[in-house]
Amino acid sequence: MQRCGIEEVTAALDSEEVALLLVLRDSEDEEVARLRELAESRGIPVR
């Protein structure tokens, strides 16, 4: 299932198996950067 938005993605990372994180290019949002780092630290591909 796909999730969209910081709150939904955060919840998914906390409680679901996430296979891929899609991030808008050149995003400078600090929360997006934190989610990206969290995903990468868990071995989740980020595109």
C-alpha atoms as a PDB file:
ATOM      1  CA  MET A   1       0.000   0.000   0.000  1.00  0.00           C
ATOM      2  CA  GLN A   2       1.264   3.502  -0.780  1.00  0.00           C
ATOM      3  CA  ARG A   3       1.457   6.267   1.803  1.00  0.00           C
ATOM      4  CA  CYS A   4       1.761   9.976   1.090  1.00  0.00           C
ATOM      5  CA  GLY A   5       2.746  12.816   3.407  1.00  0.00           C
ATOM      6  CA  ILE A   6       5.149  13.154   6.299  1.00  0.00           C
ATOM      7  CA  GLU A   7       2.735  11.971   9.003  1.00  0.00           C
ATOM      8  CA  GLU A   8       1.580   8.903   7.076  1.00  0.00           C
ATOM      9  CA  VAL A   9       5.112   7.920   6.051  1.00  0.00           C
ATOM     10  CA  THR A  10       6.335   8.336   9.630  1.00  0.00           C
ATOM     11  CA  ALA A  11       3.537   6.080  10.882  1.00  0.00           C
ATOM     12  CA  ALA A  12       4.299   3.502   8.192  1.00  0.00           C
ATOM     13  CA  LEU A  13       7.994   3.434   9.095  1.00  0.00           C
ATOM     14  CA  ASP A  14       7.008   2.885  12.732  1.00  0.00           C
ATOM     15  CA  SER A  15       4.456   0.130  12.190  1.00  0.00           C
ATOM     16  CA  GLU A  16       4.624  -1.400   8.706  1.00  0.00           C
ATOM     17  CA  GLU A  17       7.078  -3.104   6.410  1.00  0.00           C
ATOM     18  CA  VAL A  18       8.267  -0.412   4.015  1.00  0.00           C
ATOM     19  CA  ALA A  19       9.900  -1.519   0.754  1.00  0.00           C
ATOM     20  CA  LEU A  20      10.682   1.837  -0.876  1.00  0.00           C
ATOM     21  CA  LEU A  21      10.618   5.542  -0.036  1.00  0.00           C
ATOM     22  CA  LEU A  22       9.997   8.013  -2.858  1.00  0.00           C
ATOM     23  CA  VAL A  23      11.139  11.582  -2.170  1.00  0.00           C
ATOM     24  CA  LEU A  24      10.707  14.711  -4.253  1.00  0.00           C
ATOM     25  CA  ARG A  25      14.062  15.750  -5.721  1.00  0.00           C
ATOM     26  CA  ASP A  26      15.796  18.733  -4.139  1.00  0.00           C
ATOM     27  CA  SER A  27      13.516  18.702  -1.095  1.00  0.00           C
ATOM     28  CA  GLU A  28      15.048  20.834   1.658  1.00  0.00           C
ATOM     29  CA  ASP A  29      12.443  19.965   4.305  1.00  0.00           C
ATOM     30  CA  GLU A  30      14.208  18.878   7.520  1.00  0.00           C
ATOM     31  CA  GLU A  31      11.545  16.284   8.343  1.00  0.00           C
ATOM     32  CA  VAL A  32      11.874  14.749   4.877  1.00  0.00           C
ATOM     33  CA  ALA A  33      15.646  14.579   5.379  1.00  0.00           C
ATOM     34  CA  ARG A  34      15.109  12.825   8.726  1.00  0.00           C
ATOM     35  CA  LEU A  35      12.752  10.283   7.150  1.00  0.00           C
ATOM     36  CA  ARG A  36      15.217   9.709   4.323  1.00  0.00           C
ATOM     37  CA  GLU A  37      18.058   9.052   6.787  1.00  0.00           C
ATOM     38  CA  LEU A  38      15.862   6.734   8.850  1.00  0.00           C
ATOM     39  CA  ALA A  39      14.858   4.736   5.779  1.00  0.00           C
ATOM     40  CA  GLU A  40      18.446   4.470   4.556  1.00  0.00           C
ATOM     41  CA  SER A  41      19.630   3.332   8.007  1.00  0.00           C
ATOM     42  CA  ARG A  42      17.065   0.502   7.824  1.00  0.00           C
ATOM     43  CA  GLY A  43      18.198  -0.534   4.355  1.00  0.00           C
ATOM     44  CA  ILE A  44      15.081   0.830   2.664  1.00  0.00           C
ATOM     45  CA  PRO A  45      15.835   2.128  -0.849  1.00  0.00           C
ATOM     46  CA  VAL A  46      15.207   5.849  -1.335  1.00  0.00           C
ATOM     47  CA  ARG A  47      14.508   7.195  -4.811  1.00  0.00           C
END
